[in-house]
């Protein structure tokens, strides 16, 4: 039957334009089949002569990624392919595979059963389909905006994003396990966060915060993501020079939107970098003016990260931490041995649940840390001189849905001063000493616009 079927199979019609329109991927391509998981699609087999369908039953389809084989059966079969990836789809007859099609599978924010489901169509259009954005920079007293072209549907973006998944350190170590884990947006967001920077692997962007930019492109000169990603792809995954926080975040947002995960770029003004996770930004003033005590904590005039929308069943069964999650690709601190950050539930940050995954204490401090000045006596003991509880975490901003106006989302990250137990959390995190711990990373300042 296998060889007979090969003889009568004339062609396979993938209906790419029709399917891609139904799957909201026609902006990516009208020729390549790009589907979203959990949704039916049409595939037509054209034969040169009639065939008794009973001779083909049971119909079995397989989807092969190169590392993992998924067996599919029946009308609902393709909804069971969970992991976004590139697949080769075969029809299995008598344990022999007949090649039928190649396709790319993405997350599906239109599907209620998907962990990235977003119920509002207007928001889906903004956070998945919109290619134009606004990035907010400057300072808390003078906020300016920079237009950014996300370009998630530009030529070769599917190839670029699939390449990014396949050259990650996680894929190189355990390829089959990596492909199977891609069904989880939590896993994907951590992977992409690590791959956007080049600290650990062949990531997309090399950061630079000081010195000359002559050997690359000054971060302020970039206006969109596609050129950065295209350069990385065309140079065999060599890091592109140079990026800073808003460039890292914007490029990540492009990749996440292409993969189908609703995402937006967020700016935090007066953003704290708490290196020792004591929830304070400590500055030391020695009584002996000849002695210098460096402080490795810092406050950036602004810092930019990504929020991505997903469920968090790993944190609570009742969905209390579902929704927007902070994911930050700027290389600041190690997370499980890799330069990535998040996903940290915005709800967990608001309510001070700093014991939850991932990197919640670090992000909590970025918007909530107190600035503390310490007097250091000659014997090494310290005395608190001054505490500023209002300086950090101002005017947290993102682009409004459907317009270029700035949307202030500070209230989603922090309660008004005095309405939350952040001081209790800080006391729990602090040890008995206020002298600086070993410095784990550079204190960087962003380019001032």
Protein backbone atom coordinates (compact mmCIF):
# COMPACT_ATOMS: atom_id res chain seq x y z
CA UNK A 1 0.00 0.00 0.00
CA UNK A 2 2.89 2.32 0.76
CA UNK A 3 4.41 2.16 -2.72
CA UNK A 4 0.99 2.31 -4.37
CA UNK A 5 0.17 5.49 -2.45
CA UNK A 6 3.46 7.05 -3.52
CA UNK A 7 2.55 6.34 -7.15
CA UNK A 8 -0.91 7.90 -6.97
CA UNK A 9 0.01 10.89 -4.78
CA UNK A 10 0.18 13.77 -7.24
CA UNK A 11 0.68 16.74 -4.91
CA UNK A 12 -0.01 18.12 -1.46
CA UNK A 13 -1.86 21.44 -1.22
CA UNK A 14 -1.04 23.22 2.04
CA UNK A 15 -3.39 26.17 1.36
CA UNK A 16 -0.84 28.50 2.99
CA UNK A 17 -2.68 31.74 2.30
CA UNK A 18 -6.01 30.43 3.60
CA UNK A 19 -4.48 28.68 6.61
CA UNK A 20 -2.19 31.57 7.49
CA UNK A 21 -5.09 34.01 7.30
CA UNK A 22 -7.12 31.85 9.67
CA UNK A 23 -4.11 31.54 12.00
CA UNK A 24 -3.23 35.27 11.96
CA UNK A 25 0.15 34.60 10.34
CA UNK A 26 -0.47 35.84 6.81
CA UNK A 27 1.52 38.97 7.70
CA UNK A 28 4.52 36.68 8.11
CA UNK A 29 4.08 34.78 4.85
CA UNK A 30 1.54 33.87 2.18
CA UNK A 31 3.68 31.00 0.88
CA UNK A 32 5.16 29.23 3.92
CA UNK A 33 2.73 27.34 6.15
CA UNK A 34 2.86 29.00 9.60
CA UNK A 35 0.30 27.78 12.09
CA UNK A 36 -0.71 28.47 15.68
CA UNK A 37 -1.12 25.58 18.07
CA UNK A 38 -4.55 24.34 19.12
CA UNK A 39 -6.24 25.38 15.88
CA UNK A 40 -7.42 23.30 12.90
CA UNK A 41 -6.08 23.77 9.39
CA UNK A 42 -6.69 22.43 5.88
CA UNK A 43 -4.40 20.09 3.97
CA UNK A 44 -5.46 18.51 0.65
CA UNK A 45 -3.91 15.40 -0.93
CA UNK A 46 -4.38 15.26 -4.70
CA UNK A 47 -4.32 11.74 -6.14
CA UNK A 48 -4.13 10.59 -9.76
CA UNK A 49 -6.89 8.03 -9.25
CA UNK A 50 -9.56 7.12 -6.67
CA UNK A 51 -8.38 5.24 -3.61
CA UNK A 52 -10.47 3.21 -1.18
CA UNK A 53 -10.00 5.19 2.03
CA UNK A 54 -10.55 2.02 4.06
CA UNK A 55 -7.22 0.78 2.77
CA UNK A 56 -5.50 3.78 4.36
CA UNK A 57 -7.13 3.50 7.79
CA UNK A 58 -6.12 4.17 10.45
CA UNK A 59 -4.60 7.41 9.20
CA UNK A 60 -1.48 8.25 11.17
CA UNK A 61 0.50 11.44 10.90
CA UNK A 62 3.86 12.18 12.44
CA UNK A 63 5.55 15.51 13.05
CA UNK A 64 9.33 15.47 13.20
CA UNK A 65 11.49 18.33 14.46
CA UNK A 66 14.79 16.60 13.87
CA UNK A 67 15.10 15.71 17.55
CA UNK A 68 11.65 14.62 18.59
CA UNK A 69 8.88 12.59 16.97
CA UNK A 70 5.21 13.22 17.74
CA UNK A 71 2.56 10.76 16.57
CA UNK A 72 -0.71 12.33 15.52
CA UNK A 73 -4.08 10.75 14.78
CA UNK A 74 -7.45 11.97 13.60
CA UNK A 75 -9.10 15.30 12.91
CA UNK A 76 -7.78 17.00 16.06
CA UNK A 77 -4.29 15.62 15.69
CA UNK A 78 -2.32 18.73 14.88
CA UNK A 79 -3.60 20.60 17.92
CA UNK A 80 -1.57 18.15 19.99
CA UNK A 81 1.75 19.48 18.69
CA UNK A 82 2.53 21.71 21.62
CA UNK A 83 6.05 23.06 21.14
CA UNK A 84 6.60 26.00 18.79
CA UNK A 85 9.19 24.85 16.27
CA UNK A 86 9.66 23.86 12.63
CA UNK A 87 8.14 20.50 11.77
CA UNK A 88 8.21 17.98 8.92
CA UNK A 89 4.78 16.32 8.69
CA UNK A 90 4.51 12.78 7.30
CA UNK A 91 1.70 10.34 6.62
CA UNK A 92 2.54 6.95 8.10
CA UNK A 93 1.46 3.90 6.11
CA UNK A 94 2.49 0.42 7.24
CA UNK A 95 5.23 1.97 9.37
CA UNK A 96 6.60 3.85 6.36
CA UNK A 97 6.54 7.66 6.21
CA UNK A 98 5.23 9.59 3.22
CA UNK A 99 6.52 13.20 3.35
CA UNK A 100 3.62 15.63 3.17
CA UNK A 101 4.57 19.09 4.36
CA UNK A 102 6.83 21.32 6.38
CA UNK A 103 5.34 23.86 8.73
CA UNK A 104 6.18 26.22 11.57
CA UNK A 105 4.11 26.17 14.74
CA UNK A 106 3.70 29.20 17.03
CA UNK A 107 1.95 30.05 20.29
CA UNK A 108 -1.72 30.98 19.94
CA UNK A 109 -3.02 33.94 22.00
CA UNK A 110 -6.39 33.49 20.20
CA UNK A 111 -6.89 30.00 21.65
CA UNK A 112 -8.53 29.86 25.13
CA UNK A 113 -6.62 26.66 25.93
CA UNK A 114 -3.24 28.22 25.22
CA UNK A 115 -1.15 29.43 28.15
CA UNK A 116 -0.62 32.77 26.36
CA UNK A 117 -4.34 33.33 25.64
CA UNK A 118 -5.32 37.02 25.71
CA UNK A 119 -9.07 37.54 25.64
CA UNK A 120 -9.18 41.11 24.30
CA UNK A 121 -8.82 41.35 20.51
CA UNK A 122 -7.71 44.99 20.65
CA UNK A 123 -4.90 44.02 23.01
CA UNK A 124 -3.96 41.06 20.79
CA UNK A 125 -3.62 43.43 17.87
CA UNK A 126 -1.38 45.71 19.94
CA UNK A 127 0.79 43.18 21.75
CA UNK A 128 1.16 40.54 19.01
CA UNK A 129 0.41 42.08 15.63
CA UNK A 130 1.56 45.72 15.93
CA UNK A 131 5.01 46.27 14.43
CA UNK A 132 5.40 49.89 15.57
CA UNK A 133 6.15 50.95 19.12
CA UNK A 134 7.26 53.78 21.35
CA UNK A 135 10.10 53.47 23.86
CA UNK A 136 10.17 55.90 26.78
CA UNK A 137 13.55 57.26 27.83
CA UNK A 138 15.07 60.26 29.59
CA UNK A 139 14.44 60.89 33.28
CA UNK A 140 11.51 60.93 35.66
CA UNK A 141 11.36 64.71 35.36
CA UNK A 142 11.63 64.77 31.58
CA UNK A 143 10.21 61.74 29.77
CA UNK A 144 10.73 61.57 26.03
CA UNK A 145 9.72 58.93 23.51
CA UNK A 146 11.63 57.13 20.77
CA UNK A 147 9.78 55.32 17.95
CA UNK A 148 10.82 51.72 17.37
CA UNK A 149 10.12 49.36 14.47
CA UNK A 150 9.68 45.88 15.94
CA UNK A 151 9.48 44.35 12.46
CA UNK A 152 8.39 40.94 13.72
CA UNK A 153 6.85 40.10 10.35
CA UNK A 154 9.80 41.16 8.19
CA UNK A 155 11.51 38.76 5.79
CA UNK A 156 13.34 35.82 7.36
CA UNK A 157 12.08 36.57 10.88
CA UNK A 158 10.78 33.01 11.22
CA UNK A 159 14.16 31.61 10.19
CA UNK A 160 15.95 34.00 12.54
CA UNK A 161 13.79 33.13 15.54
CA UNK A 162 13.96 29.38 14.89
CA UNK A 163 17.73 29.72 14.58
CA UNK A 164 17.83 31.52 17.91
CA UNK A 165 16.02 28.63 19.58
CA UNK A 166 18.28 26.05 17.97
CA UNK A 167 21.63 27.65 18.87
CA UNK A 168 20.77 28.30 22.51
CA UNK A 169 22.89 26.70 25.22
CA UNK A 170 19.85 24.71 26.34
CA UNK A 171 19.34 23.18 22.89
CA UNK A 172 23.02 22.32 22.53
CA UNK A 173 23.04 20.49 25.87
CA UNK A 174 19.74 18.59 25.57
CA UNK A 175 18.15 19.06 22.12
CA UNK A 176 15.20 16.70 22.53
CA UNK A 177 14.41 17.98 26.01
CA UNK A 178 14.69 21.57 24.76
CA UNK A 179 12.20 21.04 21.93
CA UNK A 180 9.76 19.33 24.28
CA UNK A 181 10.08 22.18 26.80
CA UNK A 182 9.28 24.86 24.22
CA UNK A 183 5.57 24.28 24.83
CA UNK A 184 5.98 26.36 27.99
CA UNK A 185 6.18 30.16 27.58
CA UNK A 186 7.97 30.35 30.94
CA UNK A 187 10.78 28.24 29.50
CA UNK A 188 10.79 30.13 26.20
CA UNK A 189 10.92 33.54 27.87
CA UNK A 190 13.96 32.59 29.95
CA UNK A 191 15.67 31.13 26.89
CA UNK A 192 15.04 34.24 24.76
CA UNK A 193 16.09 36.53 27.63
CA UNK A 194 19.45 34.77 27.69
CA UNK A 195 19.84 34.65 23.89
CA UNK A 196 19.28 38.38 23.28
CA UNK A 197 22.50 39.22 25.16
CA UNK A 198 25.86 37.68 24.30
CA UNK A 199 27.28 37.16 27.79
CA UNK A 200 26.85 33.37 27.95
CA UNK A 201 26.55 32.16 24.38
CA UNK A 202 26.27 33.32 20.76
CA UNK A 203 23.55 35.79 21.68
CA UNK A 204 22.28 38.61 19.51
CA UNK A 205 23.62 41.79 21.12
CA UNK A 206 26.81 42.85 22.83
CA UNK A 207 26.31 45.55 25.42
CA UNK A 208 28.48 48.61 25.97
CA UNK A 209 27.83 51.39 28.47
CA UNK A 210 31.06 53.36 28.34
CA UNK A 211 34.04 54.01 26.12
CA UNK A 212 34.13 54.16 22.34
CA UNK A 213 31.43 52.73 20.06
CA UNK A 214 33.66 53.04 16.97
CA UNK A 215 33.82 49.28 16.38
CA UNK A 216 30.05 49.00 16.13
CA UNK A 217 26.82 51.01 16.14
CA UNK A 218 26.09 53.47 18.92
CA UNK A 219 22.96 52.19 20.75
CA UNK A 220 21.09 55.45 20.13
CA UNK A 221 21.44 54.96 16.36
CA UNK A 222 19.30 51.82 16.18
CA UNK A 223 15.68 52.41 15.15
CA UNK A 224 14.36 48.86 14.80
CA UNK A 225 14.91 45.21 15.61
CA UNK A 226 15.04 43.58 12.18
CA UNK A 227 18.36 45.06 11.11
CA UNK A 228 19.97 43.87 14.35
CA UNK A 229 18.53 40.37 14.04
CA UNK A 230 19.38 40.19 10.32
CA UNK A 231 23.01 41.10 11.02
CA UNK A 232 23.24 38.45 13.73
CA UNK A 233 21.72 35.80 11.45
CA UNK A 234 23.80 36.67 8.38
CA UNK A 235 27.11 36.62 10.29
CA UNK A 236 26.61 33.09 11.62
CA UNK A 237 25.31 34.26 15.00
CA UNK A 238 28.10 36.68 15.87
CA UNK A 239 26.96 39.29 18.44
CA UNK A 240 25.95 42.65 17.00
CA UNK A 241 27.63 45.73 18.50
CA UNK A 242 26.19 47.54 20.51
CA UNK A 243 23.10 47.56 22.69
CA UNK A 244 21.81 49.05 25.90
CA UNK A 245 18.69 48.25 27.86
CA UNK A 246 16.06 49.68 25.51
CA UNK A 247 17.70 47.95 22.52
CA UNK A 248 17.91 44.60 24.32
CA UNK A 249 14.27 44.87 25.41
CA UNK A 250 12.94 46.00 22.03
CA UNK A 251 14.67 43.17 20.17
CA UNK A 252 13.31 40.65 22.65
CA UNK A 253 9.81 42.07 22.26
CA UNK A 254 10.06 41.51 18.49
CA UNK A 255 11.03 37.86 18.93
CA UNK A 256 8.31 37.20 21.51
CA UNK A 257 5.61 38.76 19.31
CA UNK A 258 6.74 36.69 16.33
CA UNK A 259 6.50 33.53 18.45
CA UNK A 260 2.96 34.54 19.43
CA UNK A 261 3.53 35.58 23.05
CA UNK A 262 1.84 38.95 23.78
CA UNK A 263 4.60 41.35 24.83
CA UNK A 264 5.25 45.03 25.45
CA UNK A 265 8.27 47.19 26.32
CA UNK A 266 8.22 48.88 29.73
CA UNK A 267 10.41 51.69 31.12
CA UNK A 268 11.10 52.20 34.82
CA UNK A 269 12.50 55.63 35.71
CA UNK A 270 14.97 55.92 38.60
CA UNK A 271 15.52 52.20 38.38
CA UNK A 272 17.52 50.55 41.17
CA UNK A 273 20.22 47.94 40.62
CA UNK A 274 20.45 46.07 43.92
CA UNK A 275 23.48 43.77 43.67
CA UNK A 276 23.20 42.04 47.05
CA UNK A 277 19.40 41.60 47.18
CA UNK A 278 18.88 43.43 50.48
CA UNK A 279 16.23 45.65 48.85
CA UNK A 280 18.18 48.85 49.52
CA UNK A 281 20.56 51.03 47.51
CA UNK A 282 23.36 51.65 49.97
CA UNK A 283 25.85 54.54 49.85
CA UNK A 284 28.68 54.62 52.41
CA UNK A 285 30.31 57.77 53.83
CA UNK A 286 33.47 57.04 55.86
CA UNK A 287 34.33 59.34 58.76
CA UNK A 288 37.93 58.95 57.67
CA UNK A 289 37.98 60.94 54.45
CA UNK A 290 41.13 59.11 53.36
CA UNK A 291 39.21 55.83 53.21
CA UNK A 292 37.05 54.95 50.19
CA UNK A 293 34.22 52.43 50.39
CA UNK A 294 32.77 51.70 46.96
CA UNK A 295 29.05 51.09 46.60
CA UNK A 296 28.13 48.53 43.98
CA UNK A 297 24.45 49.36 44.08
CA UNK A 298 23.30 52.01 41.62
CA UNK A 299 20.31 53.90 40.31
CA UNK A 300 19.86 54.27 36.56
CA UNK A 301 18.03 57.28 35.21
CA UNK A 302 15.86 54.73 33.43
CA UNK A 303 15.84 51.03 32.71
CA UNK A 304 13.81 49.15 30.09
CA UNK A 305 12.51 45.57 30.15
CA UNK A 306 9.80 43.43 28.56
CA UNK A 307 6.45 42.34 29.93
CA UNK A 308 5.03 39.12 28.43
CA UNK A 309 1.56 37.70 29.00
CA UNK A 310 1.22 34.09 30.19
CA UNK A 311 -0.22 31.84 32.86
CA UNK A 312 1.93 30.85 35.87
CA UNK A 313 0.71 27.43 37.03
CA UNK A 314 4.15 26.92 38.60
CA UNK A 315 3.35 29.63 41.16
CA UNK A 316 -0.30 29.02 42.05
CA UNK A 317 -3.10 26.72 40.91
CA UNK A 318 -5.74 29.45 41.17
CA UNK A 319 -4.09 31.69 38.56
CA UNK A 320 -3.42 34.53 41.01
CA UNK A 321 -0.03 35.22 39.39
CA UNK A 322 -1.15 34.89 35.76
CA UNK A 323 -0.90 37.87 33.42
CA UNK A 324 2.02 40.19 32.77
CA UNK A 325 5.48 38.88 33.61
CA UNK A 326 8.74 40.87 33.67
CA UNK A 327 11.43 39.40 31.42
CA UNK A 328 14.67 41.34 31.12
CA UNK A 329 17.36 40.46 28.52
CA UNK A 330 19.84 43.14 29.64
CA UNK A 331 22.77 41.28 31.28
CA UNK A 332 22.79 42.51 34.87
CA UNK A 333 22.96 39.58 37.29
CA UNK A 334 23.18 35.81 36.95
CA UNK A 335 19.99 33.79 37.25
CA UNK A 336 20.59 30.05 37.69
CA UNK A 337 24.10 30.64 36.35
CA UNK A 338 22.99 32.47 33.18
CA UNK A 339 22.57 36.16 32.35
CA UNK A 340 18.80 36.29 32.08
CA UNK A 341 15.97 37.63 34.23
CA UNK A 342 12.41 36.47 34.77
CA UNK A 343 9.70 35.76 34.14
CA UNK A 344 8.76 37.58 37.34
CA UNK A 345 5.04 37.98 37.90
CA UNK A 346 4.05 41.66 38.08
CA UNK A 347 1.38 40.69 40.63
CA UNK A 348 4.04 39.06 42.81
CA UNK A 349 6.13 42.24 42.61
CA UNK A 350 3.14 44.37 43.59
CA UNK A 351 2.32 42.19 46.59
CA UNK A 352 5.89 41.60 47.70
CA UNK A 353 5.99 37.82 47.09
CA UNK A 354 9.76 37.83 46.80
CA UNK A 355 10.07 34.10 47.45
CA UNK A 356 8.63 33.20 44.03
CA UNK A 357 10.37 32.35 40.75
CA UNK A 358 11.93 33.94 38.83
CA UNK A 359 14.14 36.83 40.04
CA UNK A 360 11.29 38.57 41.87
CA UNK A 361 13.55 40.11 44.59
CA UNK A 362 15.74 41.76 41.95
CA UNK A 363 12.82 43.27 40.03
CA UNK A 364 11.02 44.21 43.26
CA UNK A 365 14.08 46.23 44.28
CA UNK A 366 14.22 47.95 40.88
CA UNK A 367 10.90 49.65 41.60
CA UNK A 368 10.75 49.59 45.42
CA UNK A 369 14.24 49.85 46.93
CA UNK A 370 14.96 52.54 49.52
CA UNK A 371 18.05 54.71 49.09
CA UNK A 372 20.06 54.61 52.32
CA UNK A 373 23.11 56.68 53.26
CA UNK A 374 25.39 55.15 55.90
CA UNK A 375 28.07 56.73 58.06
CA UNK A 376 31.02 54.34 58.46
CA UNK A 377 33.03 54.82 61.64
CA UNK A 378 36.75 54.14 61.86
CA UNK A 379 36.08 50.81 63.62
CA UNK A 380 33.91 49.65 60.71
CA UNK A 381 30.56 50.06 62.44
CA UNK A 382 27.78 51.89 60.60
CA UNK A 383 25.02 54.33 61.42
CA UNK A 384 22.09 55.16 59.18
CA UNK A 385 22.18 58.82 58.15
CA UNK A 386 19.28 59.22 55.74
CA UNK A 387 16.61 57.11 53.97
CA UNK A 388 14.75 58.11 50.81
CA UNK A 389 11.76 55.82 50.19
CA UNK A 390 10.32 57.69 47.22
CA UNK A 391 13.17 58.13 44.76
CA UNK A 392 13.21 54.67 43.16
CA UNK A 393 10.57 53.42 40.75
CA UNK A 394 8.94 56.43 39.13
CA UNK A 395 6.58 56.72 36.17
CA UNK A 396 6.70 53.10 35.01
CA UNK A 397 5.63 53.54 31.40
CA UNK A 398 4.56 51.68 28.28
CA UNK A 399 2.78 52.52 25.04
CA UNK A 400 -1.00 52.77 25.22
CA UNK A 401 -3.11 50.28 23.28
CA UNK A 402 -4.05 51.68 19.89
CA UNK A 403 -2.26 55.00 20.26
CA UNK A 404 1.17 56.57 20.71
CA UNK A 405 0.29 58.00 24.12
CA UNK A 406 2.27 57.00 27.19
CA UNK A 407 0.48 54.76 29.68
CA UNK A 408 1.60 54.99 33.32
CA UNK A 409 1.46 51.51 34.90
CA UNK A 410 3.32 52.31 38.15
CA UNK A 411 0.32 51.18 40.23
CA UNK A 412 0.64 47.65 38.81
CA UNK A 413 4.14 47.39 40.32
CA UNK A 414 3.97 49.19 43.64
CA UNK A 415 1.52 50.42 46.22
CA UNK A 416 1.62 54.01 47.25
CA UNK A 417 4.20 54.69 49.96
CA UNK A 418 2.99 53.53 53.35
CA UNK A 419 0.35 51.14 51.97
CA UNK A 420 2.55 48.05 51.74
CA UNK A 421 4.89 46.06 53.95
CA UNK A 422 8.01 46.54 51.85
CA UNK A 423 9.90 47.63 54.96
CA UNK A 424 9.13 44.28 56.59
CA UNK A 425 10.36 42.52 53.47
CA UNK A 426 13.54 44.58 53.55
CA UNK A 427 14.24 43.71 57.16
CA UNK A 428 13.82 40.04 56.33
CA UNK A 429 16.26 40.30 53.44
CA UNK A 430 18.93 42.34 55.25
CA UNK A 431 21.62 40.61 57.27
CA UNK A 432 23.42 42.02 60.26
CA UNK A 433 25.93 44.04 58.21
CA UNK A 434 25.55 46.97 55.89
CA UNK A 435 29.03 46.84 54.41
CA UNK A 436 29.05 46.04 50.68
CA UNK A 437 29.26 42.43 49.59
CA UNK A 438 31.55 41.22 46.82
CA UNK A 439 30.69 43.01 43.61
CA UNK A 440 29.07 40.63 41.12
CA UNK A 441 28.74 42.84 38.08
CA UNK A 442 29.45 46.25 36.62
CA UNK A 443 27.48 49.32 37.67
CA UNK A 444 26.41 50.70 34.33
CA UNK A 445 24.76 53.92 33.41
CA UNK A 446 22.68 54.35 30.30
CA UNK A 447 23.42 56.82 27.55
CA UNK A 448 21.58 60.03 28.38
CA UNK A 449 19.26 61.12 25.53
